[in-house]
Amino acid sequence: MTKSKIHLTLFLFFFSVYALTGQGSIQSADGKIMFLLTEAMVENHSVSFSEMVTLNDIPGPQYSKYGLGMSVLAIPFYLLGKVLSFLLGIEASMATQFAVSMINTILTAFCCLMVFRFATDRLDCNPRISLILALGFGLSTIAWYYSEDFMSEPAITLFLLLAVYCVTSKNSLTRKRDLIWAGIFLALAVFCKLVVLIAIPGFIMYQWMVWAESDEKNVKELTRDLIRPAIPVITVLILIMFYNYVRFADPLETGYEKFNGKFVVGFFGLLFSPGKSLFLFNPLTLFGCLGFMLLLREQRKIAILFGWLIISHLLLFSSWWSWQGGMSWGPRLMLVVIPYLILPAGFLLRKHMHAVKIPILVVLVAGILIQLPSVTVNIARYYYEMSKEFGSHGHNQILFSPKYSQLIGQFKQVAVVFDNLGDEIQMAQMASMAKKGERFLGADISVVLDNGLAVNAPNFWWYYMRVFGYPFYFWLLPPVALVGVIVLSGYKLYRETGGS
């Protein structure tokens, strides 16, 4: 199998896994706001909308405080949803939300492909090790969960990873072009979320190190190499300033709250809290940390770039008042740097394969088991249960109390949901309410837990279609086909990357 066929097979494998476990709807408040902006741009040619998403919204024109990038990226998917609605006779709002919600299915599959390519092309890992790293990122970290909702982190992760891949190109003949592409991808990441600007010093340091190690230290050449990727980023910043002026009559106003969090709490929470720890939710990153010194010895420039991306984001988000990422699975905001914590594990496998292979595979499988309940049942259910029991202190219990960690509570919610599936009358009532677009904004938590279909059914799009009464070829044939693709592509990858 050629390299390009391996890449295609890898993408199809991960895409099929994510498509099989996708929720096919937009359930997070952030995602709904970005979707409403997409809808407004397509239907009304406007950047404002009127629908209230949270209780804090004021009636009247609403503006998204989130980056414009995801809403713009969603436009072709929204239009595809309208086409599907017309062709298949599915209600338009459901079809458009379904199409838009599948964006991260594609983007996260591309992230896995780029982890594989980075490992082979930049870190000189063999295909088998590269496949282990791709599987580790794609199925054993929170990346799996965030493939199913309309959030900006998967897009930022991909664009930033593409920028890092381009800037670390070893081909001197294509370096100028690669730097331009690095700037374009970095600009796209900034377009999705402005805080990505924190990554720029790392790219500048990398460029300086390349220049410092060159035979001819031409200052003009260094300047040109810095300007090339800077042009797309500056262009996007001007566009963002214009967007800010349209929204808030101030080009420097982003709509985001200021960084006024408690740094020590955020830092501890992101790394060690039982409810959000980077290492607990992504255990393979521990081996990445162990392999970092090997990376530093063999590829110092890449290691320093990785280190800057990880540390700068950790320090920045530790200072953010919502370091926990709201109602989310694991440390959502840190998803963008997880590839750089997974890739160094490849050096452990290269140098000490016999010693670390089994432990890494065991931890990889453990990570998969950790992610499974998050993609099986809506994580909001556990937050609602904790709020019902502890009121406003429920969130803190999840964050800092080991016995109330999501890692335990989410498994319990899976058991509850599957136990309740036998009540066919209640399921039919919830499906009827969902079809009518019933919303529970401001409703008592008990009402949501009793009547919300999204928190009382397996969180898979094809299961929802079954409950809604669609023909079997809408809800049964697609998952069967996806399972077939997963098995076939997985077997081919195993064979072609050194399996026996």
Protein backbone atom coordinates (compact mmCIF):
# COMPACT_ATOMS: atom_id res chain seq x y z
CA MET A 1 0.00 0.00 0.00
CA THR A 2 1.42 3.40 -0.98
CA LYS A 3 1.90 6.20 1.53
CA SER A 4 -1.09 8.14 0.14
CA LYS A 5 -3.33 5.07 0.43
CA ILE A 6 -2.24 4.57 4.05
CA HIS A 7 -3.12 8.20 4.75
CA LEU A 8 -6.54 7.80 3.12
CA THR A 9 -7.22 4.56 5.01
CA LEU A 10 -6.20 6.20 8.28
CA PHE A 11 -8.53 9.13 7.67
CA LEU A 12 -11.43 6.81 6.75
CA PHE A 13 -10.89 4.78 9.91
CA PHE A 14 -11.08 7.74 12.26
CA PHE A 15 -13.82 9.49 10.31
CA SER A 16 -15.95 6.35 10.48
CA VAL A 17 -15.40 5.98 14.24
CA TYR A 18 -16.35 9.60 14.86
CA ALA A 19 -19.31 9.49 12.47
CA LEU A 20 -20.58 6.32 14.17
CA THR A 21 -20.44 7.89 17.64
CA GLY A 22 -21.46 11.42 16.64
CA GLN A 23 -24.51 13.00 18.25
CA GLY A 24 -25.73 14.63 15.03
CA SER A 25 -27.02 17.68 16.88
CA ILE A 26 -25.67 20.77 18.62
CA GLN A 27 -26.11 20.47 22.37
CA SER A 28 -23.59 22.90 23.89
CA ALA A 29 -24.44 26.57 24.41
CA ASP A 30 -21.23 27.66 22.66
CA GLY A 31 -22.05 25.49 19.66
CA LYS A 32 -25.62 26.78 19.46
CA ILE A 33 -24.44 30.39 19.44
CA MET A 34 -21.93 29.74 16.65
CA PHE A 35 -24.59 27.84 14.71
CA LEU A 36 -27.07 30.70 15.07
CA LEU A 37 -24.44 33.06 13.66
CA THR A 38 -23.97 30.74 10.67
CA GLU A 39 -27.74 30.62 10.19
CA ALA A 40 -27.96 34.42 10.39
CA MET A 41 -25.18 34.88 7.84
CA VAL A 42 -26.82 32.48 5.38
CA GLU A 43 -30.48 33.35 5.86
CA ASN A 44 -30.34 37.04 6.80
CA HIS A 45 -26.86 38.14 5.60
CA SER A 46 -26.29 39.42 9.13
CA VAL A 47 -23.86 38.85 12.01
CA SER A 48 -26.60 39.20 14.62
CA PHE A 49 -29.44 36.89 15.61
CA SER A 50 -32.40 37.18 17.97
CA GLU A 51 -32.73 33.77 19.62
CA MET A 52 -31.82 33.55 23.30
CA VAL A 53 -29.50 30.67 24.20
CA THR A 54 -28.85 31.25 27.91
CA LEU A 55 -30.80 32.85 30.75
CA ASN A 56 -28.31 35.72 30.82
CA ASP A 57 -29.16 36.83 27.28
CA ILE A 58 -31.01 40.13 26.91
CA PRO A 59 -33.95 40.16 24.46
CA GLY A 60 -33.03 41.82 21.17
CA PRO A 61 -30.15 41.48 18.71
CA GLN A 62 -27.55 38.95 19.90
CA TYR A 63 -23.90 38.84 18.86
CA SER A 64 -21.62 35.85 19.21
CA LYS A 65 -18.65 36.48 21.48
CA TYR A 66 -16.80 33.59 19.90
CA GLY A 67 -14.40 33.65 16.98
CA LEU A 68 -15.88 34.14 13.55
CA GLY A 69 -13.91 31.27 12.04
CA MET A 70 -16.10 28.32 13.03
CA SER A 71 -19.30 30.04 11.94
CA VAL A 72 -17.80 30.85 8.55
CA LEU A 73 -16.42 27.32 8.22
CA ALA A 74 -19.90 25.97 8.89
CA ILE A 75 -21.56 27.80 5.97
CA PRO A 76 -21.04 25.08 3.32
CA PHE A 77 -22.15 22.43 5.83
CA TYR A 78 -25.26 24.45 6.63
CA LEU A 79 -26.07 24.65 2.92
CA LEU A 80 -25.47 20.90 2.61
CA GLY A 81 -27.96 20.39 5.43
CA LYS A 82 -30.58 22.35 3.50
CA VAL A 83 -29.96 20.14 0.46
CA LEU A 84 -30.30 17.00 2.60
CA SER A 85 -33.54 18.36 4.05
CA PHE A 86 -34.95 18.83 0.54
CA LEU A 87 -33.78 15.47 -0.80
CA LEU A 88 -34.61 13.28 2.21
CA GLY A 89 -37.63 15.08 3.59
CA ILE A 90 -36.00 15.71 6.96
CA GLU A 91 -37.03 18.80 8.93
CA ALA A 92 -34.70 21.67 7.92
CA SER A 93 -33.49 22.66 11.39
CA MET A 94 -32.57 19.05 12.19
CA ALA A 95 -30.80 18.54 8.85
CA THR A 96 -28.76 21.73 9.08
CA GLN A 97 -27.74 21.06 12.68
CA PHE A 98 -26.80 17.51 11.75
CA ALA A 99 -24.60 18.66 8.86
CA VAL A 100 -22.90 21.39 10.91
CA SER A 101 -22.36 19.10 13.90
CA MET A 102 -20.38 16.71 11.69
CA ILE A 103 -17.68 19.31 10.95
CA ASN A 104 -15.53 18.19 13.85
CA THR A 105 -15.90 14.58 12.78
CA ILE A 106 -13.91 15.53 9.68
CA LEU A 107 -11.52 17.94 11.39
CA THR A 108 -10.60 15.54 14.19
CA ALA A 109 -10.00 12.73 11.68
CA PHE A 110 -7.61 15.09 9.87
CA CYS A 111 -5.92 15.82 13.23
CA CYS A 112 -5.25 12.10 13.65
CA LEU A 113 -3.84 11.95 10.13
CA MET A 114 -1.54 14.89 10.90
CA VAL A 115 -0.32 13.26 14.13
CA PHE A 116 0.58 10.21 12.02
CA ARG A 117 2.30 12.35 9.37
CA PHE A 118 4.16 14.46 11.90
CA ALA A 119 5.48 11.33 13.58
CA THR A 120 6.70 9.84 10.29
CA ASP A 121 7.83 12.97 8.43
CA ARG A 122 9.24 15.10 11.23
CA LEU A 123 10.15 12.71 14.06
CA ASP A 124 11.30 9.82 11.84
CA CYS A 125 9.05 7.26 13.52
CA ASN A 126 8.17 4.07 11.64
CA PRO A 127 4.54 3.55 10.48
CA ARG A 128 3.71 1.21 13.37
CA ILE A 129 4.78 3.71 16.03
CA SER A 130 3.08 6.53 14.14
CA LEU A 131 -0.16 4.52 14.07
CA ILE A 132 0.03 3.94 17.83
CA LEU A 133 0.43 7.69 18.37
CA ALA A 134 -2.48 8.50 16.04
CA LEU A 135 -4.67 5.95 17.83
CA GLY A 136 -3.52 7.36 21.15
CA PHE A 137 -4.54 10.88 20.20
CA GLY A 138 -7.71 9.98 18.31
CA LEU A 139 -9.31 7.45 20.67
CA SER A 140 -7.48 7.67 24.00
CA THR A 141 -7.82 11.43 24.64
CA ILE A 142 -10.64 13.93 24.92
CA ALA A 143 -10.26 14.53 21.17
CA TRP A 144 -12.79 11.72 20.65
CA TYR A 145 -15.45 13.49 22.68
CA TYR A 146 -14.92 16.87 21.02
CA SER A 147 -15.28 15.29 17.58
CA GLU A 148 -19.04 15.12 18.14
CA ASP A 149 -20.08 18.66 19.06
CA PHE A 150 -19.81 22.00 17.27
CA MET A 151 -16.96 23.52 19.29
CA SER A 152 -13.92 25.46 18.05
CA GLU A 153 -11.15 23.43 19.74
CA PRO A 154 -10.88 20.66 17.09
CA ALA A 155 -10.49 23.25 14.31
CA ILE A 156 -7.86 25.16 16.29
CA THR A 157 -6.05 21.90 17.04
CA LEU A 158 -5.92 21.01 13.34
CA PHE A 159 -4.91 24.44 12.06
CA LEU A 160 -2.23 24.84 14.73
CA LEU A 161 -0.90 21.35 14.03
CA LEU A 162 -0.78 22.10 10.30
CA ALA A 163 1.09 25.35 11.02
CA VAL A 164 3.63 23.49 13.17
CA TYR A 165 4.00 20.81 10.48
CA CYS A 166 4.68 23.42 7.80
CA VAL A 167 7.09 25.56 9.81
CA THR A 168 9.16 22.47 10.72
CA SER A 169 9.57 21.41 7.09
CA LYS A 170 12.99 19.95 6.35
CA ASN A 171 12.85 20.66 2.62
CA SER A 172 14.99 23.71 1.84
CA LEU A 173 13.57 23.89 -1.70
CA THR A 174 9.99 24.40 -0.52
CA ARG A 175 10.73 26.31 2.71
CA LYS A 176 9.44 29.69 1.50
CA ARG A 177 6.17 28.15 0.37
CA ASP A 178 5.89 26.12 3.58
CA LEU A 179 6.30 29.27 5.68
CA ILE A 180 3.46 30.95 3.81
CA TRP A 181 1.26 27.92 4.45
CA ALA A 182 2.28 27.97 8.11
CA GLY A 183 1.11 31.58 8.29
CA ILE A 184 -2.19 30.75 6.58
CA PHE A 185 -2.96 27.90 8.97
CA LEU A 186 -1.92 29.98 11.97
CA ALA A 187 -4.19 32.77 10.73
CA LEU A 188 -7.10 30.32 10.43
CA ALA A 189 -6.53 29.20 14.01
CA VAL A 190 -6.55 32.85 15.16
CA PHE A 191 -9.72 33.40 13.12
CA CYS A 192 -11.37 30.68 15.21
CA LYS A 193 -10.08 31.94 18.56
CA LEU A 194 -7.96 35.00 19.23
CA VAL A 195 -6.02 33.45 22.13
CA VAL A 196 -4.06 31.39 19.59
CA LEU A 197 -1.87 34.50 19.28
CA ILE A 198 -0.05 33.14 22.34
CA ALA A 199 1.53 30.55 20.02
CA ILE A 200 3.28 33.12 17.80
CA PRO A 201 6.42 33.64 19.97
CA GLY A 202 7.08 29.89 19.68
CA PHE A 203 7.08 30.11 15.89
CA ILE A 204 9.40 33.13 16.01
CA MET A 205 11.80 31.27 18.31
CA TYR A 206 11.80 28.30 15.96
CA GLN A 207 12.59 30.52 12.97
CA TRP A 208 15.40 32.20 14.89
CA MET A 209 16.92 28.84 15.83
CA VAL A 210 16.82 27.69 12.21
CA TRP A 211 18.54 30.92 11.18
CA ALA A 212 21.13 30.68 14.00
CA GLU A 213 22.13 27.17 12.87
CA SER A 214 22.43 28.10 9.20
CA ASP A 215 25.84 28.56 7.56
CA GLU A 216 25.04 32.03 6.24
CA LYS A 217 23.38 34.18 8.88
CA ASN A 218 21.63 36.61 6.58
CA VAL A 219 19.52 39.02 8.66
CA LYS A 220 17.48 40.02 5.61
CA GLU A 221 16.60 36.39 4.94
CA LEU A 222 15.51 35.93 8.57
CA THR A 223 13.34 39.04 8.29
CA ARG A 224 11.73 37.75 5.10
CA ASP A 225 11.13 34.35 6.70
CA LEU A 226 9.32 36.09 9.57
CA ILE A 227 7.30 38.39 7.31
CA ARG A 228 6.00 35.63 5.03
CA PRO A 229 3.88 33.84 7.67
CA ALA A 230 3.05 37.12 9.41
CA ILE A 231 1.11 38.56 6.44
CA PRO A 232 -1.88 36.13 6.66
CA VAL A 233 -2.04 36.57 10.44
CA ILE A 234 -2.04 40.37 10.19
CA THR A 235 -4.74 40.20 7.50
CA VAL A 236 -6.97 38.09 9.75
CA LEU A 237 -6.37 40.43 12.70
CA ILE A 238 -7.57 43.37 10.61
CA LEU A 239 -10.68 41.39 9.65
CA ILE A 240 -11.32 40.52 13.31
CA MET A 241 -10.98 44.18 14.29
CA PHE A 242 -13.55 45.11 11.67
CA TYR A 243 -15.86 42.36 12.97
CA ASN A 244 -15.40 43.69 16.51
CA TYR A 245 -16.33 47.19 15.35
CA VAL A 246 -19.51 45.88 13.71
CA ARG A 247 -20.48 44.03 16.90
CA PHE A 248 -19.36 46.40 19.64
CA ALA A 249 -18.39 49.67 17.90
CA ASP A 250 -14.86 49.09 19.17
CA PRO A 251 -12.21 47.25 17.11
CA LEU A 252 -10.41 46.13 20.28
CA GLU A 253 -13.48 44.78 22.09
CA THR A 254 -13.81 40.99 21.63
CA GLY A 255 -16.82 40.30 23.83
CA TYR A 256 -14.82 37.96 26.06
CA GLU A 257 -14.49 38.46 29.79
CA LYS A 258 -11.12 39.60 31.12
CA PHE A 259 -8.49 37.25 32.53
CA ASN A 260 -9.34 37.55 36.21
CA GLY A 261 -9.13 33.97 37.42
CA LYS A 262 -7.19 32.51 40.33
CA PHE A 263 -4.00 31.25 38.69
CA VAL A 264 -3.03 28.68 41.34
CA VAL A 265 -6.51 27.12 41.30
CA GLY A 266 -6.56 26.99 37.50
CA PHE A 267 -3.03 25.60 37.26
CA PHE A 268 -3.71 22.89 39.83
CA GLY A 269 -7.11 22.15 38.32
CA LEU A 270 -5.87 21.69 34.77
CA LEU A 271 -3.05 19.38 35.83
CA PHE A 272 -4.16 17.53 38.94
CA SER A 273 -7.84 18.03 39.88
CA PRO A 274 -9.93 14.82 39.90
CA GLY A 275 -12.54 16.45 37.68
CA LYS A 276 -10.40 18.07 34.96
CA SER A 277 -6.83 16.77 35.19
CA LEU A 278 -5.06 16.70 31.85
CA PHE A 279 -3.30 13.49 32.86
CA LEU A 280 -6.34 11.68 34.25
CA PHE A 281 -8.47 12.28 31.18
CA ASN A 282 -5.56 11.73 28.77
CA PRO A 283 -3.29 9.20 30.50
CA LEU A 284 -1.07 8.65 27.46
CA THR A 285 0.27 12.19 27.91
CA LEU A 286 2.26 10.86 30.89
CA PHE A 287 4.42 8.87 28.47
CA GLY A 288 4.69 11.94 26.26
CA CYS A 289 6.16 13.84 29.21
CA LEU A 290 8.62 10.98 29.83
CA GLY A 291 9.68 11.08 26.18
CA PHE A 292 10.16 14.84 26.08
CA MET A 293 13.82 14.74 27.11
CA LEU A 294 14.55 12.28 24.29
CA LEU A 295 12.84 14.66 21.88
CA LEU A 296 14.87 17.55 23.27
CA ARG A 297 18.14 15.67 22.73
CA GLU A 298 17.37 14.58 19.19
CA GLN A 299 15.27 17.45 17.83
CA ARG A 300 15.90 20.45 20.04
CA LYS A 301 14.14 23.05 17.89
CA ILE A 302 10.92 21.04 17.64
CA ALA A 303 11.05 20.26 21.37
CA ILE A 304 11.35 23.96 22.24
CA LEU A 305 8.44 24.81 19.92
CA PHE A 306 6.34 22.05 21.49
CA GLY A 307 7.32 23.24 24.95
CA TRP A 308 6.32 26.81 24.23
CA LEU A 309 2.92 25.77 22.88
CA ILE A 310 2.20 23.60 25.92
CA ILE A 311 3.47 25.93 28.65
CA SER A 312 2.07 29.14 27.16
CA HIS A 313 -1.42 27.67 26.81
CA LEU A 314 -1.25 26.13 30.29
CA LEU A 315 -0.24 29.44 31.90
CA LEU A 316 -2.79 31.41 29.87
CA PHE A 317 -5.76 29.17 30.62
CA SER A 318 -4.75 28.82 34.28
CA SER A 319 -5.36 32.56 34.52
CA TRP A 320 -8.78 32.33 32.88
CA TRP A 321 -11.76 32.50 35.21
CA SER A 322 -13.38 29.57 33.37
CA TRP A 323 -10.25 27.41 33.18
CA GLN A 324 -12.43 24.32 33.47
CA GLY A 325 -14.12 25.08 30.14
CA GLY A 326 -17.66 25.24 31.50
CA MET A 327 -19.88 22.18 31.16
CA SER A 328 -17.34 20.08 29.33
CA TRP A 329 -15.51 16.76 29.29
CA GLY A 330 -12.06 17.00 30.79
CA PRO A 331 -9.77 20.01 30.23
CA ARG A 332 -11.45 21.25 27.02
CA LEU A 333 -9.22 24.29 26.56
CA MET A 334 -6.07 22.15 26.62
CA LEU A 335 -7.16 19.95 23.72
CA VAL A 336 -5.15 22.15 21.32
CA VAL A 337 -1.82 21.13 22.88
CA ILE A 338 -2.49 17.42 23.45
CA PRO A 339 -0.80 16.41 20.13
CA TYR A 340 2.46 17.87 21.46
CA LEU A 341 2.12 15.80 24.62
CA ILE A 342 1.39 12.61 22.68
CA LEU A 343 4.04 12.80 19.94
CA PRO A 344 7.13 12.63 22.25
CA ALA A 345 5.95 9.18 23.35
CA GLY A 346 7.11 8.03 19.93
CA PHE A 347 10.72 8.49 21.06
CA LEU A 348 10.14 6.16 24.00
CA LEU A 349 8.80 3.55 21.59
CA ARG A 350 11.75 4.08 19.24
CA LYS A 351 14.42 3.84 21.92
CA HIS A 352 12.86 1.41 24.40
CA MET A 353 10.25 -0.53 22.43
CA HIS A 354 10.47 -3.77 24.44
CA ALA A 355 10.31 -1.99 27.79
CA VAL A 356 7.48 0.47 27.12
CA LYS A 357 5.33 -1.13 24.41
CA ILE A 358 3.05 -3.07 26.75
CA PRO A 359 2.65 -0.24 29.33
CA ILE A 360 1.85 2.25 26.55
CA LEU A 361 -0.71 -0.08 24.97
CA VAL A 362 -2.31 -0.71 28.38
CA VAL A 363 -2.58 3.04 29.06
CA LEU A 364 -3.87 3.61 25.52
CA VAL A 365 -6.68 1.08 26.10
CA ALA A 366 -7.40 2.66 29.50
CA GLY A 367 -7.74 6.03 27.78
CA ILE A 368 -10.23 4.56 25.29
CA LEU A 369 -12.33 3.20 28.15
CA ILE A 370 -12.23 6.64 29.80
CA GLN A 371 -13.60 8.33 26.66
CA LEU A 372 -16.35 5.78 25.87
CA PRO A 373 -18.97 6.97 28.40
CA SER A 374 -18.52 10.58 27.26
CA VAL A 375 -19.51 9.75 23.67
CA THR A 376 -22.24 7.32 24.73
CA VAL A 377 -24.32 9.58 26.99
CA ASN A 378 -24.63 13.37 27.03
CA ILE A 379 -22.22 14.66 29.68
CA ALA A 380 -24.74 17.37 30.65
CA ARG A 381 -26.78 14.72 32.44
CA TYR A 382 -24.17 14.30 35.18
CA TYR A 383 -23.84 18.06 35.63
CA TYR A 384 -27.63 18.27 36.03
CA GLU A 385 -27.63 15.44 38.56
CA MET A 386 -24.93 17.16 40.60
CA SER A 387 -26.73 20.51 40.46
CA LYS A 388 -29.91 18.79 41.59
CA GLU A 389 -28.09 17.30 44.60
CA PHE A 390 -25.71 20.13 45.55
CA GLY A 391 -27.21 23.22 43.92
CA SER A 392 -24.68 25.88 42.94
CA HIS A 393 -21.88 23.82 44.54
CA GLY A 394 -22.37 20.90 42.19
CA HIS A 395 -19.77 22.06 39.69
CA ASN A 396 -17.08 22.43 42.36
CA GLN A 397 -17.86 18.92 43.63
CA ILE A 398 -17.21 17.58 40.12
CA LEU A 399 -13.95 19.52 39.88
CA PHE A 400 -12.35 18.85 43.25
CA SER A 401 -14.03 15.89 44.96
CA PRO A 402 -12.56 12.53 43.82
CA LYS A 403 -15.74 10.56 44.45
CA TYR A 404 -17.76 12.97 42.31
CA SER A 405 -15.29 13.16 39.41
CA GLN A 406 -16.70 12.84 35.89
CA LEU A 407 -14.53 9.76 35.45
CA ILE A 408 -16.81 7.98 37.93
CA GLY A 409 -20.06 9.87 37.52
CA GLN A 410 -20.26 9.55 33.74
CA PHE A 411 -20.10 5.75 33.91
CA LYS A 412 -23.02 5.81 36.35
CA GLN A 413 -25.03 7.97 33.95
CA VAL A 414 -24.51 5.43 31.17
CA ALA A 415 -26.00 2.75 33.43
CA VAL A 416 -28.97 5.00 34.31
CA VAL A 417 -29.73 5.88 30.70
CA PHE A 418 -29.62 2.30 29.45
CA ASP A 419 -31.75 1.17 32.40
CA ASN A 420 -34.42 3.73 31.47
CA LEU A 421 -34.65 2.73 27.80
CA GLY A 422 -37.26 0.11 28.65
CA ASP A 423 -39.88 2.81 29.33
CA GLU A 424 -41.16 3.07 25.76
CA ILE A 425 -44.02 5.44 26.62
CA GLN A 426 -41.68 7.97 28.22
CA MET A 427 -39.25 7.67 25.31
CA ALA A 428 -42.09 8.35 22.86
CA GLN A 429 -43.16 11.41 24.85
CA MET A 430 -39.63 12.79 24.92
CA ALA A 431 -39.24 12.18 21.19
CA SER A 432 -42.49 14.05 20.54
CA MET A 433 -41.29 17.02 22.58
CA ALA A 434 -37.94 17.01 20.79
CA LYS A 435 -39.63 16.99 17.37
CA LYS A 436 -41.67 20.03 18.37
CA GLY A 437 -38.47 21.87 19.30
CA GLU A 438 -39.31 21.95 23.00
CA ARG A 439 -36.68 23.88 24.94
CA PHE A 440 -36.01 23.72 28.67
CA LEU A 441 -34.34 27.10 29.06
CA GLY A 442 -34.94 28.16 32.66
CA ALA A 443 -36.83 24.95 33.52
CA ASP A 444 -36.29 23.11 36.78
CA ILE A 445 -33.44 20.60 36.59
CA SER A 446 -35.77 17.74 37.51
CA VAL A 447 -37.95 18.61 34.50
CA VAL A 448 -34.94 18.48 32.18
CA LEU A 449 -33.77 15.16 33.60
CA ASP A 450 -37.24 13.66 33.23
CA ASN A 451 -38.14 15.01 29.79
CA GLY A 452 -34.95 15.86 27.89
CA LEU A 453 -34.37 13.27 25.18
CA ALA A 454 -30.75 14.35 24.72
CA VAL A 455 -29.93 13.37 28.32
CA ASN A 456 -32.05 10.22 28.41
CA ALA A 457 -30.97 8.34 25.31
CA PRO A 458 -27.68 7.03 23.90
CA ASN A 459 -26.10 10.11 22.34
CA PHE A 460 -25.83 8.77 18.77
CA TRP A 461 -27.49 10.44 15.78
CA TRP A 462 -28.69 7.15 14.29
CA TYR A 463 -30.34 6.18 17.58
CA TYR A 464 -32.21 9.49 17.67
CA MET A 465 -33.46 8.83 14.12
CA ARG A 466 -34.75 5.44 15.25
CA VAL A 467 -36.58 7.06 18.17
CA PHE A 468 -38.01 9.72 15.85
CA GLY A 469 -39.51 6.97 13.71
CA TYR A 470 -37.47 7.33 10.52
CA PRO A 471 -37.23 4.30 8.17
CA PHE A 472 -34.57 1.71 8.97
CA TYR A 473 -32.42 2.67 5.99
CA PHE A 474 -31.94 6.11 7.62
CA TRP A 475 -30.89 4.85 11.05
CA LEU A 476 -29.70 1.23 10.65
CA LEU A 477 -27.84 0.99 7.34
CA PRO A 478 -25.44 3.94 7.95
CA PRO A 479 -24.02 2.62 11.25
CA VAL A 480 -23.73 -0.89 9.80
CA ALA A 481 -21.78 0.54 6.84
CA LEU A 482 -19.59 2.60 9.17
CA VAL A 483 -18.75 -0.44 11.29
CA GLY A 484 -17.78 -2.25 8.10
CA VAL A 485 -15.45 0.59 7.09
CA ILE A 486 -13.92 0.66 10.59
CA VAL A 487 -13.20 -3.07 10.56
CA LEU A 488 -11.84 -3.14 7.00
CA SER A 489 -9.71 0.00 7.28
CA GLY A 490 -8.46 -0.99 10.74
CA TYR A 491 -7.36 -4.39 9.43
CA LYS A 492 -5.57 -2.80 6.46
CA LEU A 493 -3.76 -0.36 8.74
CA TYR A 494 -2.69 -3.16 11.04
CA ARG A 495 -1.33 -5.18 8.11
CA GLU A 496 0.36 -2.29 6.29
CA THR A 497 2.08 -0.78 9.34
CA GLY A 498 3.83 -3.92 10.49
CA GLY A 499 1.15 -6.04 12.10
CA SER A 500 1.55 -9.81 11.93
